[in-house]
N, C-alpha and C. Protein backbone atom coordinates (compact mmCIF):
# COMPACT_ATOMS: atom_id res chain seq x y z
N UNK A 1 6.39 19.99 -4.67
CA UNK A 1 7.10 19.77 -3.57
C UNK A 1 6.77 21.31 -3.11
N UNK A 2 6.53 21.44 -1.95
CA UNK A 2 6.18 22.17 -0.80
C UNK A 2 7.45 22.44 0.10
N UNK A 3 7.52 23.32 0.28
CA UNK A 3 8.30 23.88 1.61
C UNK A 3 7.93 24.14 2.41
N UNK A 4 8.52 23.20 4.06
CA UNK A 4 7.44 23.60 5.36
C UNK A 4 8.73 24.19 6.19
N UNK A 5 7.91 25.34 6.77
CA UNK A 5 8.97 26.24 8.00
C UNK A 5 8.44 25.09 9.41
N UNK A 6 9.32 24.37 9.86
CA UNK A 6 9.32 23.62 11.64
C UNK A 6 9.58 24.80 12.86
N UNK A 7 8.49 25.75 12.80
CA UNK A 7 9.20 26.78 13.89
C UNK A 7 8.94 26.37 15.39
N UNK A 8 10.52 26.54 16.07
CA UNK A 8 10.56 25.81 17.31
C UNK A 8 11.09 26.92 18.58
N UNK A 9 9.82 27.18 18.43
CA UNK A 9 10.67 27.57 19.94
C UNK A 9 11.23 27.18 21.29
N UNK A 10 12.13 27.80 22.18
CA UNK A 10 12.91 27.16 23.41
C UNK A 10 12.99 28.17 24.37
N UNK A 11 12.78 27.79 25.30
CA UNK A 11 13.17 28.72 26.55
C UNK A 11 13.40 27.21 27.75
N UNK A 12 14.81 26.64 27.65
CA UNK A 12 15.35 26.09 29.58
C UNK A 12 14.96 24.71 29.19
N UNK A 13 15.05 24.18 28.06
CA UNK A 13 14.97 22.90 27.18
C UNK A 13 16.40 22.17 26.48
N UNK A 14 17.33 22.36 27.86
CA UNK A 14 18.60 21.89 27.63
C UNK A 14 18.56 19.60 27.89
N UNK A 15 17.53 19.45 28.64
CA UNK A 15 17.71 18.35 28.44
C UNK A 15 16.44 17.30 27.56
N UNK A 16 15.75 17.71 26.62
CA UNK A 16 15.52 17.69 25.22
C UNK A 16 15.05 18.13 23.63
N UNK A 17 16.15 19.05 23.86
CA UNK A 17 16.05 19.99 22.47
C UNK A 17 16.48 19.44 21.31
N UNK A 18 17.69 19.47 22.35
CA UNK A 18 18.46 18.14 20.86
C UNK A 18 17.98 16.82 20.15
N UNK A 19 17.50 16.28 21.21
CA UNK A 19 16.46 15.02 20.85
C UNK A 19 15.15 15.41 20.02
N UNK A 20 14.60 16.49 20.46
CA UNK A 20 13.34 16.40 19.43
C UNK A 20 14.17 17.10 18.71
N UNK A 21 14.92 18.12 18.28
CA UNK A 21 15.57 18.53 16.63
C UNK A 21 16.35 16.85 15.65
N UNK A 22 16.04 16.24 16.90
CA UNK A 22 16.92 15.19 15.97
C UNK A 22 15.53 14.15 15.76
N UNK A 23 14.63 13.96 16.15
CA UNK A 23 13.25 13.38 16.10
C UNK A 23 12.87 14.16 14.28
N UNK A 24 13.46 15.64 14.31
CA UNK A 24 12.19 16.13 13.26
C UNK A 24 13.39 15.63 12.28
N UNK A 25 14.33 15.98 12.09
CA UNK A 25 15.31 15.73 11.58
C UNK A 25 15.03 14.86 10.32
N UNK A 26 14.81 13.26 11.42
CA UNK A 26 14.31 12.19 10.33
C UNK A 26 13.61 12.49 9.91
N UNK A 27 12.48 13.44 9.93
CA UNK A 27 11.45 13.13 9.28
C UNK A 27 11.84 13.45 7.14
N UNK A 28 10.95 12.15 6.62
CA UNK A 28 11.34 12.67 5.27
C UNK A 28 9.86 12.24 4.65
N UNK A 29 9.13 12.84 4.12
CA UNK A 29 7.96 12.87 3.49
C UNK A 29 7.76 13.50 2.52
N UNK A 30 7.50 12.73 1.18
CA UNK A 30 7.61 12.65 -0.45
C UNK A 30 7.21 14.19 -0.80
N UNK A 31 7.64 15.57 -1.54
CA UNK A 31 6.80 16.29 -1.90
C UNK A 31 6.83 17.06 -0.78
N UNK A 32 7.86 16.72 -0.14
CA UNK A 32 8.03 17.94 1.45
C UNK A 32 9.39 18.37 1.38
N UNK A 33 9.66 19.42 1.87
CA UNK A 33 10.94 19.78 1.78
C UNK A 33 10.66 20.47 3.29
N UNK A 34 11.90 20.56 4.51
CA UNK A 34 11.98 21.82 5.54
C UNK A 34 12.93 22.36 5.38
N UNK A 35 12.80 22.66 6.54
CA UNK A 35 13.26 24.57 7.26
C UNK A 35 12.73 24.43 8.29
N UNK A 36 14.12 24.21 8.83
CA UNK A 36 13.95 24.35 10.42
C UNK A 36 13.93 25.26 11.10
N UNK A 37 13.68 26.68 11.98
CA UNK A 37 13.76 27.65 12.85
C UNK A 37 13.54 27.28 14.14
N UNK A 38 14.84 28.10 15.09
CA UNK A 38 14.53 27.45 16.42
C UNK A 38 14.91 29.05 16.75
N UNK A 39 13.90 29.49 17.59
CA UNK A 39 14.08 30.80 18.28
C UNK A 39 14.36 30.33 20.22
N UNK A 40 15.66 31.05 20.43
CA UNK A 40 15.80 30.60 21.76
C UNK A 40 15.49 31.89 22.24
N UNK A 41 14.82 31.55 23.36
CA UNK A 41 14.12 32.66 24.02
C UNK A 41 14.63 32.91 25.79
N UNK A 42 15.92 33.60 25.53
CA UNK A 42 17.23 33.71 26.37
C UNK A 42 17.33 32.67 27.44
N UNK A 43 17.19 31.78 26.96
CA UNK A 43 17.73 30.31 27.99
C UNK A 43 19.12 31.05 28.79
N UNK A 44 18.43 30.21 30.32
CA UNK A 44 19.23 30.68 30.72
C UNK A 44 20.41 29.36 31.10
N UNK A 45 20.09 28.36 31.05
CA UNK A 45 20.48 26.35 30.98
C UNK A 45 21.96 26.63 29.84
N UNK A 46 21.68 25.21 29.69
CA UNK A 46 22.91 24.30 28.62
C UNK A 46 22.07 24.79 27.11
N UNK A 47 20.67 25.46 26.79
CA UNK A 47 19.90 25.14 25.90
C UNK A 47 20.93 25.65 24.66
N UNK A 48 21.17 27.01 24.80
CA UNK A 48 22.53 27.64 23.71
C UNK A 48 23.60 27.44 23.09
N UNK A 49 23.98 26.81 24.71
CA UNK A 49 25.60 25.75 23.98
C UNK A 49 25.22 24.60 23.10
N UNK A 50 24.27 24.04 23.51
CA UNK A 50 23.87 22.91 22.88
C UNK A 50 23.84 23.10 21.17
N UNK A 51 22.41 23.99 20.94
CA UNK A 51 22.33 24.57 19.80
C UNK A 51 23.15 24.60 18.95
N UNK A 52 24.57 25.81 19.55
CA UNK A 52 25.37 26.30 18.80
C UNK A 52 26.70 24.71 18.61
N UNK A 53 26.54 23.65 19.44
CA UNK A 53 26.98 22.71 19.01
C UNK A 53 26.38 21.80 17.53
N UNK A 54 25.14 21.95 17.11
CA UNK A 54 24.44 21.21 16.57
C UNK A 54 23.75 21.43 15.20
N UNK A 55 24.46 23.16 15.20
CA UNK A 55 24.17 23.35 14.10
C UNK A 55 23.30 22.73 12.37
N UNK A 56 23.64 21.17 12.54
CA UNK A 56 23.05 20.33 11.46
C UNK A 56 21.69 20.16 11.84
N UNK A 57 21.25 20.28 13.22
CA UNK A 57 20.10 20.18 13.47
C UNK A 57 18.86 21.36 13.54
N UNK A 58 18.86 22.20 12.39
CA UNK A 58 18.07 23.68 12.18
C UNK A 58 18.43 24.29 10.77
N UNK A 59 17.89 25.02 10.54
CA UNK A 59 18.23 25.71 9.59
C UNK A 59 18.74 27.10 9.63
N UNK A 60 18.04 27.55 10.70
CA UNK A 60 18.52 28.98 11.03
C UNK A 60 18.12 28.86 12.77
N UNK A 61 18.72 29.27 13.37
CA UNK A 61 18.69 29.95 14.83
C UNK A 61 18.62 31.35 15.19
N UNK A 62 17.25 31.63 16.30
CA UNK A 62 17.18 33.28 15.66
C UNK A 62 18.11 33.42 17.57
N UNK A 63 18.48 34.25 18.22
CA UNK A 63 18.46 34.24 19.92
C UNK A 63 17.95 35.92 20.35
N UNK A 64 16.82 35.37 20.67
CA UNK A 64 15.93 36.09 22.02
C UNK A 64 17.79 36.71 22.56
N UNK A 65 17.31 37.85 22.84
CA UNK A 65 18.37 39.09 23.79
C UNK A 65 17.67 38.91 25.65
N UNK A 66 16.50 38.29 25.05
CA UNK A 66 16.14 38.45 26.91
C UNK A 66 14.49 37.48 26.50
N UNK A 67 14.87 37.35 28.01
CA UNK A 67 12.80 36.26 27.72
C UNK A 67 12.19 36.78 27.33
N UNK A 68 11.35 36.56 26.81
CA UNK A 68 9.89 37.67 26.41
C UNK A 68 8.49 36.91 25.95
N UNK A 69 9.51 35.90 26.45
CA UNK A 69 7.67 34.70 26.57
C UNK A 69 7.43 33.97 24.74
N UNK A 70 6.76 32.91 25.16
CA UNK A 70 6.65 31.70 24.00
C UNK A 70 6.58 32.97 22.92
N UNK A 71 5.52 33.85 23.06
CA UNK A 71 4.91 34.88 22.05
C UNK A 71 5.94 34.91 21.06
N UNK A 72 6.26 36.16 21.69
CA UNK A 72 7.54 36.75 21.31
C UNK A 72 8.56 35.84 20.59
N UNK A 73 8.69 34.58 20.98
CA UNK A 73 9.97 33.75 20.85
C UNK A 73 9.03 33.61 18.86
N UNK A 74 7.84 32.83 19.31
CA UNK A 74 7.18 32.72 18.04
C UNK A 74 7.20 33.91 16.78
N UNK A 75 6.66 34.77 17.31
CA UNK A 75 6.73 36.44 16.29
C UNK A 75 8.40 36.42 15.25
N UNK A 76 8.76 36.50 16.53
CA UNK A 76 9.95 36.82 16.16
C UNK A 76 10.62 35.49 15.48
N UNK A 77 10.14 34.39 15.37
CA UNK A 77 10.43 32.54 14.41
C UNK A 77 9.66 33.15 13.11
N UNK A 78 8.76 33.66 12.79
CA UNK A 78 7.66 33.78 11.76
C UNK A 78 8.40 34.81 10.89
N UNK A 79 9.50 35.96 11.42
CA UNK A 79 9.94 36.70 10.44
C UNK A 79 10.76 36.47 9.75
N UNK A 80 11.52 35.13 10.19
CA UNK A 80 12.56 33.97 9.53
C UNK A 80 12.05 33.43 8.04
N UNK A 81 10.82 33.03 8.83
CA UNK A 81 10.37 31.57 7.97
C UNK A 81 10.02 31.85 6.63
N UNK A 82 10.35 30.58 5.86
CA UNK A 82 10.44 30.99 4.80
C UNK A 82 9.25 29.94 3.46
N UNK A 83 8.84 29.34 4.40
CA UNK A 83 8.14 27.98 3.44
C UNK A 83 6.70 28.37 2.67
N UNK A 84 6.49 27.29 2.55
CA UNK A 84 4.83 28.02 1.82
C UNK A 84 4.03 27.54 3.33
N UNK A 85 4.47 26.24 4.21
CA UNK A 85 3.16 26.52 5.05
C UNK A 85 4.31 26.76 6.27
N UNK A 86 4.35 26.78 7.25
CA UNK A 86 4.44 26.94 9.58
C UNK A 86 3.21 25.85 10.04
N UNK A 87 4.67 25.32 10.49
CA UNK A 87 4.30 24.30 11.81
C UNK A 87 4.94 24.23 13.06
N UNK A 88 3.87 24.63 14.26
CA UNK A 88 4.65 24.84 15.49
C UNK A 88 5.04 23.55 15.82
N UNK A 89 6.38 23.55 16.61
CA UNK A 89 6.83 22.67 17.21
C UNK A 89 7.77 22.33 18.47
N UNK A 90 6.84 22.59 20.05
CA UNK A 90 7.54 22.36 21.08
C UNK A 90 9.19 22.07 21.11
N UNK A 91 9.25 22.25 22.40
CA UNK A 91 10.63 21.84 22.67
C UNK A 91 11.18 20.60 22.79
N UNK A 92 9.64 20.71 24.23
CA UNK A 92 9.46 19.42 24.72
C UNK A 92 9.79 18.11 24.04
N UNK A 93 8.98 17.03 24.47
CA UNK A 93 8.68 15.84 24.43
C UNK A 93 7.17 15.27 24.23
N UNK A 94 6.36 16.46 24.44
CA UNK A 94 5.13 16.28 24.69
C UNK A 94 4.22 15.97 23.10
N UNK A 95 4.65 16.00 22.06
CA UNK A 95 4.14 16.42 20.83
C UNK A 95 5.47 15.28 20.12
N UNK A 96 5.42 14.70 18.57
CA UNK A 96 5.97 13.78 18.48
C UNK A 96 6.46 14.04 17.21
N UNK A 97 7.54 14.34 16.23
CA UNK A 97 7.57 15.09 15.18
C UNK A 97 7.04 13.94 13.86
N UNK A 98 7.01 12.02 14.78
CA UNK A 98 6.10 11.31 13.91
C UNK A 98 5.19 11.66 12.73
N UNK A 99 4.22 12.24 13.96
CA UNK A 99 3.11 13.14 13.37
C UNK A 99 3.06 13.32 12.19
N UNK A 100 4.23 14.39 11.61
CA UNK A 100 4.13 14.98 10.69
C UNK A 100 3.47 14.44 9.26
N UNK A 101 4.00 13.00 9.67
CA UNK A 101 2.46 12.81 8.06
C UNK A 101 2.14 12.69 7.83
N UNK A 102 0.82 12.32 9.21
CA UNK A 102 -0.53 12.85 9.50
C UNK A 102 -0.88 14.46 9.02
N UNK A 103 0.11 15.35 9.34
CA UNK A 103 -0.49 16.67 9.44
C UNK A 103 -0.52 16.97 7.74
N UNK A 104 0.35 16.71 7.10
CA UNK A 104 0.79 17.59 5.98
C UNK A 104 -0.14 16.00 4.65
N UNK A 105 -0.46 15.48 5.21
CA UNK A 105 -1.65 14.49 4.25
C UNK A 105 -2.79 15.51 3.63
N UNK A 106 -3.27 16.05 4.13
CA UNK A 106 -4.39 16.94 4.05
C UNK A 106 -4.22 17.73 3.09
N UNK A 107 -2.78 18.71 3.36
CA UNK A 107 -2.07 19.97 2.54
C UNK A 107 -1.59 19.18 1.25
N UNK A 108 -1.08 17.69 1.24
CA UNK A 108 -0.39 17.01 -0.71
C UNK A 108 -1.86 16.70 -0.74
N UNK A 109 -2.88 16.12 -0.15
CA UNK A 109 -3.77 15.65 -0.82
C UNK A 109 -5.40 16.20 -0.81
N UNK A 110 -5.82 17.49 -0.26
CA UNK A 110 -6.69 17.89 -0.92
C UNK A 110 -6.24 19.64 -0.33
N UNK A 111 -4.97 20.31 -0.42
CA UNK A 111 -4.59 20.91 -0.40
C UNK A 111 -5.21 22.50 0.01
N UNK A 112 -5.37 21.87 2.38
CA UNK A 112 -5.26 22.19 3.07
C UNK A 112 -4.75 23.99 3.38
N UNK A 113 -5.42 24.76 3.66
CA UNK A 113 -5.39 25.38 4.38
C UNK A 113 -4.33 25.66 6.09
N UNK A 114 -5.79 25.28 6.60
CA UNK A 114 -5.10 24.78 7.94
C UNK A 114 -4.96 23.45 8.75
N UNK A 115 -4.14 22.77 8.86
CA UNK A 115 -4.38 21.46 10.10
C UNK A 115 -4.53 21.55 11.27
N UNK A 116 -4.81 20.95 12.14
CA UNK A 116 -4.64 20.81 13.86
C UNK A 116 -4.28 19.06 14.18
N UNK A 117 -3.32 19.32 14.33
CA UNK A 117 -3.34 18.09 15.52
C UNK A 117 -3.88 17.67 16.19
N UNK A 118 -4.87 16.94 16.61
CA UNK A 118 -6.13 17.09 17.53
C UNK A 118 -5.81 16.03 18.56
N UNK A 119 -4.87 15.75 19.83
CA UNK A 119 -5.48 14.75 20.70
C UNK A 119 -6.75 14.55 21.82
N UNK A 120 -7.40 14.89 21.14
CA UNK A 120 -8.52 14.37 21.66
C UNK A 120 -9.93 13.54 20.54
N UNK A 121 -9.37 13.32 19.25
CA UNK A 121 -9.83 13.52 18.10
C UNK A 121 -9.32 11.79 18.20
N UNK A 122 -9.86 10.81 19.08
CA UNK A 122 -9.29 9.24 18.69
C UNK A 122 -7.86 9.69 18.27
N UNK A 123 -6.94 9.35 19.29
CA UNK A 123 -5.62 9.75 19.06
C UNK A 123 -5.45 8.69 19.38
N UNK A 124 -3.86 7.75 19.03
CA UNK A 124 -3.24 6.54 19.43
C UNK A 124 -2.81 6.51 20.56
N UNK A 125 -2.48 6.99 20.95
CA UNK A 125 -2.60 7.28 23.01
C UNK A 125 -2.33 8.60 23.06
N UNK A 126 -2.83 8.91 23.91
CA UNK A 126 -2.15 10.04 25.11
C UNK A 126 -1.88 9.69 26.35
N UNK A 127 -0.58 10.29 26.78
CA UNK A 127 -0.63 10.09 28.44
C UNK A 127 -1.40 11.34 28.74
N UNK A 128 -1.88 10.54 30.43
CA UNK A 128 -2.96 11.02 31.11
C UNK A 128 -1.86 11.64 32.55
N UNK A 129 -3.08 12.43 32.40
CA UNK A 129 -2.58 14.22 33.09
C UNK A 129 -3.98 14.31 33.85
N UNK A 130 -3.84 16.17 33.66
CA UNK A 130 -4.51 17.11 34.78
C UNK A 130 -5.97 16.86 34.12
N UNK A 131 -6.35 16.72 34.86
CA UNK A 131 -8.38 16.24 34.17
C UNK A 131 -8.91 18.04 33.86
N UNK A 132 -8.49 19.31 35.07
CA UNK A 132 -8.90 20.46 34.63
C UNK A 132 -8.28 21.10 33.81
N UNK A 133 -7.21 20.25 33.11
CA UNK A 133 -6.45 20.89 31.71
C UNK A 133 -7.66 20.33 30.50
N UNK A 134 -8.25 18.69 30.93
CA UNK A 134 -8.80 18.96 29.63
C UNK A 134 -10.35 19.13 29.71
N UNK A 135 -10.47 19.97 30.54
CA UNK A 135 -11.48 20.31 30.84
C UNK A 135 -11.83 22.07 30.30
N UNK A 136 -10.68 22.40 31.00
CA UNK A 136 -10.12 23.89 29.85
C UNK A 136 -10.55 23.98 28.81
N UNK A 137 -9.59 22.87 27.75
CA UNK A 137 -9.23 22.79 26.69
C UNK A 137 -10.67 22.42 26.14
N UNK A 138 -11.69 22.22 26.49
CA UNK A 138 -12.96 21.86 25.87
C UNK A 138 -13.75 23.12 26.12
N UNK A 139 -13.53 23.45 27.10
CA UNK A 139 -14.14 25.00 26.93
C UNK A 139 -13.79 25.96 25.74
N UNK A 140 -12.48 26.01 26.02
CA UNK A 140 -11.68 27.24 25.16
C UNK A 140 -11.89 26.58 23.77
N UNK A 141 -12.41 25.40 22.91
CA UNK A 141 -12.53 24.90 21.81
C UNK A 141 -13.57 25.34 21.71
N UNK A 142 -14.62 24.80 22.48
CA UNK A 142 -16.22 25.63 22.46
C UNK A 142 -16.74 26.70 22.31
N UNK A 143 -15.87 27.60 23.39
CA UNK A 143 -15.89 28.66 22.97
C UNK A 143 -15.75 29.86 21.62
N UNK A 144 -14.08 28.59 21.41
CA UNK A 144 -14.03 29.07 19.54
C UNK A 144 -14.83 28.81 18.93
N UNK A 145 -15.07 27.35 18.93
CA UNK A 145 -15.82 26.89 17.81
C UNK A 145 -17.36 27.94 17.81
N UNK A 146 -18.42 27.96 18.70
CA UNK A 146 -19.36 28.99 18.63
C UNK A 146 -19.15 30.20 18.02
N UNK A 147 -18.10 30.87 18.43
CA UNK A 147 -17.62 31.90 17.66
C UNK A 147 -17.13 32.03 16.37
N UNK A 148 -16.55 30.95 15.65
CA UNK A 148 -16.01 30.91 14.21
C UNK A 148 -16.97 30.51 13.54
N UNK A 149 -18.05 29.97 14.34
CA UNK A 149 -18.74 29.06 13.38
C UNK A 149 -18.06 27.82 13.06
N UNK A 150 -16.91 26.77 13.62
CA UNK A 150 -16.38 25.98 13.16
C UNK A 150 -16.38 24.37 13.83
N UNK A 151 -15.36 23.48 14.10
CA UNK A 151 -15.43 22.26 14.68
C UNK A 151 -14.34 21.50 15.17
N UNK A 152 -14.06 22.43 15.48
CA UNK A 152 -12.74 21.28 15.41
C UNK A 152 -12.63 20.87 17.47
N UNK A 153 -12.15 20.09 18.37
CA UNK A 153 -11.97 19.47 18.89
C UNK A 153 -10.92 19.87 20.07
N UNK A 154 -9.93 20.16 19.13
CA UNK A 154 -8.32 20.57 20.30
C UNK A 154 -7.91 21.88 19.81
N UNK A 155 -8.24 22.74 20.05
CA UNK A 155 -8.06 24.31 19.21
C UNK A 155 -6.34 24.30 19.90
N UNK A 156 -5.81 24.21 21.25
CA UNK A 156 -4.86 23.90 21.93
C UNK A 156 -3.78 22.94 21.64
N UNK A 157 -3.65 22.75 20.75
CA UNK A 157 -2.86 21.43 20.21
C UNK A 157 -1.76 22.55 20.00
N UNK A 158 -0.74 21.94 19.94
CA UNK A 158 0.71 23.15 19.47
C UNK A 158 0.46 22.23 17.96
N UNK A 159 0.35 21.59 17.80
CA UNK A 159 0.54 21.07 16.26
C UNK A 159 -0.67 22.12 15.22
N UNK A 160 -0.69 23.25 14.86
CA UNK A 160 -1.17 24.12 14.50
C UNK A 160 0.25 24.32 13.13
N UNK A 161 -0.84 23.95 11.99
CA UNK A 161 -0.27 24.13 10.58
C UNK A 161 -1.19 24.76 9.68
N UNK A 162 -0.23 25.77 8.93
CA UNK A 162 -0.78 26.75 8.68
C UNK A 162 -0.59 27.65 7.18
N UNK A 163 -0.80 27.81 5.61
CA UNK A 163 0.02 28.38 4.72
C UNK A 163 0.19 29.63 5.68
N UNK A 164 1.35 29.82 5.16
CA UNK A 164 2.20 30.79 5.58
C UNK A 164 1.39 32.74 5.33
N UNK A 165 1.11 32.33 3.95
CA UNK A 165 0.31 33.76 3.37
C UNK A 165 -0.38 34.35 4.09
N UNK A 166 -1.36 33.18 4.74
CA UNK A 166 -2.75 33.89 5.33
C UNK A 166 -2.46 34.61 6.43
N UNK A 167 -0.65 34.75 6.80
CA UNK A 167 -0.46 35.78 7.80
C UNK A 167 0.29 36.58 8.11
N UNK A 168 0.46 37.72 8.33
CA UNK A 168 1.85 38.68 8.35
C UNK A 168 2.06 38.16 9.40
N UNK A 169 3.59 38.51 10.20
CA UNK A 169 3.35 38.28 12.34
C UNK A 169 3.95 39.95 12.00
N UNK A 170 3.29 40.56 11.14
CA UNK A 170 3.37 41.70 12.02
C UNK A 170 2.20 42.58 12.65
N UNK A 171 0.85 41.47 11.97
CA UNK A 171 -0.03 41.36 12.54
C UNK A 171 -0.70 41.10 13.93
N UNK A 172 0.43 40.14 14.43
CA UNK A 172 0.32 40.22 15.36
C UNK A 172 0.65 40.95 16.89
N UNK A 173 -0.15 40.78 17.62
CA UNK A 173 -0.38 42.14 18.97
C UNK A 173 -0.15 41.51 20.29
N UNK A 174 -0.85 39.62 19.98
CA UNK A 174 0.06 39.91 21.67
C UNK A 174 1.35 38.46 21.49
N UNK A 175 1.89 38.16 23.04
CA UNK A 175 2.91 37.32 22.99
C UNK A 175 2.98 36.96 23.84
N UNK A 176 1.88 36.66 24.48
CA UNK A 176 1.84 35.11 25.52
C UNK A 176 0.80 33.99 25.38
N UNK A 177 0.70 33.28 25.93
CA UNK A 177 0.04 31.57 24.86
C UNK A 177 -1.36 31.99 24.79
N UNK A 178 -1.85 33.32 25.08
CA UNK A 178 -2.84 33.72 24.33
C UNK A 178 -2.71 33.64 22.58
N UNK A 179 -1.56 33.81 22.38
CA UNK A 179 -1.18 34.17 20.66
C UNK A 179 -1.00 32.94 19.81
N UNK A 180 -1.21 32.08 20.52
CA UNK A 180 -1.48 30.86 19.63
C UNK A 180 -3.00 31.05 18.90
N UNK A 181 -4.12 31.48 20.17
CA UNK A 181 -5.84 31.98 19.57
C UNK A 181 -5.73 32.70 18.94
N UNK A 182 -4.92 34.08 18.97
CA UNK A 182 -4.71 35.10 17.61
C UNK A 182 -4.76 34.33 16.37
N UNK A 183 -3.56 33.60 16.31
CA UNK A 183 -2.86 33.58 14.98
C UNK A 183 -4.10 32.68 14.53
N UNK A 184 -5.33 31.21 15.01
CA UNK A 184 -5.58 30.25 14.92
C UNK A 184 -7.06 31.44 14.17
N UNK A 185 -7.46 32.04 15.05
CA UNK A 185 -8.71 33.03 15.01
C UNK A 185 -8.37 33.73 13.52
N UNK A 186 -7.52 34.43 13.07
CA UNK A 186 -6.68 35.00 11.74
C UNK A 186 -6.57 33.99 11.02
N UNK A 187 -6.03 32.88 11.17
CA UNK A 187 -5.87 31.86 9.70
C UNK A 187 -7.18 31.42 9.20
N UNK A 188 -8.07 31.43 9.87
CA UNK A 188 -9.49 30.34 10.49
C UNK A 188 -10.64 31.63 9.57
N UNK A 189 -9.40 32.71 9.85
CA UNK A 189 -10.75 34.04 9.44
C UNK A 189 -10.25 33.81 7.21
N UNK A 190 -9.28 33.57 7.59
CA UNK A 190 -9.51 33.83 5.91
C UNK A 190 -8.79 32.35 4.99
N UNK A 191 -9.00 31.47 6.13
CA UNK A 191 -8.86 30.34 5.09
C UNK A 191 -9.85 29.25 4.00
N UNK A 192 -9.57 28.94 3.58
CA UNK A 192 -10.87 27.69 2.78
C UNK A 192 -10.85 26.18 2.93
N UNK A 193 -9.71 25.85 3.67
CA UNK A 193 -10.29 24.59 4.07
C UNK A 193 -9.15 24.16 5.15
N UNK A 194 -10.41 24.11 5.95
CA UNK A 194 -10.09 23.34 7.26
C UNK A 194 -9.40 21.84 7.85
N UNK A 195 -9.53 21.54 7.98
CA UNK A 195 -9.21 19.99 8.72
C UNK A 195 -8.40 19.80 9.90
N UNK A 196 -8.54 18.15 10.78
CA UNK A 196 -7.44 17.62 11.78
C UNK A 196 -7.66 16.93 11.38
N UNK A 197 -6.39 16.19 12.31
CA UNK A 197 -5.88 14.94 12.66
C UNK A 197 -5.71 14.04 13.82
N UNK A 198 -5.16 13.62 13.60
CA UNK A 198 -5.52 12.42 14.71
C UNK A 198 -3.98 12.38 15.50
N UNK A 199 -3.54 12.40 16.91
CA UNK A 199 -1.75 12.80 16.69
C UNK A 199 -1.86 12.24 18.60
N UNK A 200 -0.65 11.73 18.28
CA UNK A 200 -0.60 11.01 19.70
C UNK A 200 0.03 12.34 21.19
N UNK A 201 -0.37 11.99 21.90
CA UNK A 201 -0.37 13.18 23.00
C UNK A 201 1.23 12.47 24.81
N UNK A 202 2.00 13.09 24.74
CA UNK A 202 2.63 12.42 25.99
C UNK A 202 3.12 13.85 26.77
N UNK A 203 2.02 14.83 27.32
CA UNK A 203 1.88 15.21 28.47
C UNK A 203 2.83 15.70 29.16
N UNK A 204 3.30 16.76 29.24
CA UNK A 204 4.34 16.58 31.04
C UNK A 204 3.31 17.15 31.95
N UNK A 205 4.60 16.27 33.18
CA UNK A 205 3.60 17.36 34.31
C UNK A 205 4.19 18.61 34.36
N UNK A 206 3.75 19.02 36.35
CA UNK A 206 4.68 20.51 35.91
C UNK A 206 5.87 20.48 36.81
N UNK A 207 6.10 18.92 37.20
CA UNK A 207 7.17 18.76 38.01
C UNK A 207 8.28 18.28 36.54
N UNK A 208 8.64 18.02 35.63
CA UNK A 208 8.93 17.79 34.54
C UNK A 208 8.56 19.12 34.15
N UNK A 209 8.31 20.15 33.91
CA UNK A 209 8.57 21.40 33.08
C UNK A 209 7.42 22.37 32.37
N UNK A 210 6.60 21.43 32.69
CA UNK A 210 5.18 22.02 32.01
C UNK A 210 4.63 23.63 31.96
N UNK A 211 4.65 24.47 31.86
CA UNK A 211 4.38 25.92 31.82
C UNK A 211 3.22 26.34 31.74
N UNK A 212 2.60 25.86 31.00
CA UNK A 212 0.68 26.62 31.11
C UNK A 212 0.36 26.62 32.54
N UNK A 213 -0.14 27.77 32.93
CA UNK A 213 -1.51 27.36 34.02
C UNK A 213 -3.20 27.63 33.56
N UNK A 214 -3.78 27.36 34.81
CA UNK A 214 -4.73 27.65 34.14
C UNK A 214 -5.68 29.57 33.94
N UNK A 215 -4.19 29.94 34.04
CA UNK A 215 -4.87 31.16 34.76
C UNK A 215 -4.73 32.68 33.05
N UNK A 216 -3.77 31.44 32.21
CA UNK A 216 -3.59 31.65 30.83
C UNK A 216 -5.02 31.89 29.72
N UNK A 217 -5.53 31.14 30.55
CA UNK A 217 -7.15 30.97 29.54
C UNK A 217 -7.91 31.99 29.72
N UNK A 218 -7.63 32.89 31.13
CA UNK A 218 -8.24 34.27 30.66
C UNK A 218 -8.08 35.76 29.38
N UNK A 219 -6.95 35.68 29.18
CA UNK A 219 -6.12 35.90 28.18
C UNK A 219 -6.92 35.11 27.20
N UNK A 220 -7.07 33.93 26.95
CA UNK A 220 -7.37 33.18 25.66
C UNK A 220 -8.36 33.80 25.36
N UNK A 221 -9.23 33.41 25.73
CA UNK A 221 -10.99 34.06 25.91
C UNK A 221 -10.94 34.97 25.83
N UNK A 222 -10.18 35.80 25.96
CA UNK A 222 -10.52 37.44 25.34
C UNK A 222 -9.58 37.32 24.16
N UNK A 223 -8.79 37.19 23.95
CA UNK A 223 -8.06 36.74 23.05
C UNK A 223 -9.23 36.57 21.42
N UNK A 224 -9.72 35.59 22.11
CA UNK A 224 -10.42 34.90 20.52
C UNK A 224 -11.66 35.93 20.19
N UNK A 225 -12.53 36.45 21.90
CA UNK A 225 -13.76 37.47 21.70
C UNK A 225 -13.35 39.32 20.50
N UNK A 226 -12.42 39.12 20.82
CA UNK A 226 -11.58 40.32 20.56
C UNK A 226 -11.19 40.10 18.88
N UNK A 227 -10.73 39.29 18.55
CA UNK A 227 -10.23 38.62 17.07
C UNK A 227 -11.88 38.54 16.65
N UNK A 228 -12.38 37.59 17.38
CA UNK A 228 -13.79 37.31 16.48
C UNK A 228 -14.96 39.01 16.40
N UNK A 229 -14.72 39.79 16.74
CA UNK A 229 -15.19 40.80 17.24
C UNK A 229 -14.57 42.29 16.84
N UNK A 230 -14.38 42.30 17.36
CA UNK A 230 -12.97 43.81 16.86
C UNK A 230 -11.65 44.14 15.43
N UNK A 231 -11.30 42.22 15.17
CA UNK A 231 -10.35 42.37 14.38
C UNK A 231 -10.53 43.24 13.05
């Protein structure tokens, strides 16, 4: 039996937070016990109200005093994680918890240290969205693979699962979207067994609330380089 911490950072997602946590709660996998840590990053809509009315949907609710960004929320949540493994889950509906079984298969059968859910490795289905997002993702993934001698296809997938002991949250120095690159860089450098599995992707448009922008790629590249040569 392994314990998995599902970490859910959330900011102003009143329309999706209860549904996504309900989907997480439906997941049952032999040999896996779930812990759900939700971090509210200073939401100004009804998100926190809805969370407080539905405590059965999570193990721990962390309330940030003000909006500090996704990275700050992730770092706060990691300090409350007690699982053998950590898996990130966005609070929108872009990623489906039904894919947890795929992500955990390399852990349960092959003792994996890291598993990434790839949106580009023969996914069952992917919503057609922004061309330049795909180009940017491929360039970031290529840069990461060159510098770390890896063969990932989708490093900026939300579904990053890793063995918790590979990373002390106090080590993290970034708090923006680039923090994902810092976490992956640090854990890849310490892992022995790494896998990818195909997942479905239901990407949102900007009108639907998508938050990441093209300029975030600059900080991501800088973080990948720093982690490779100066960590």
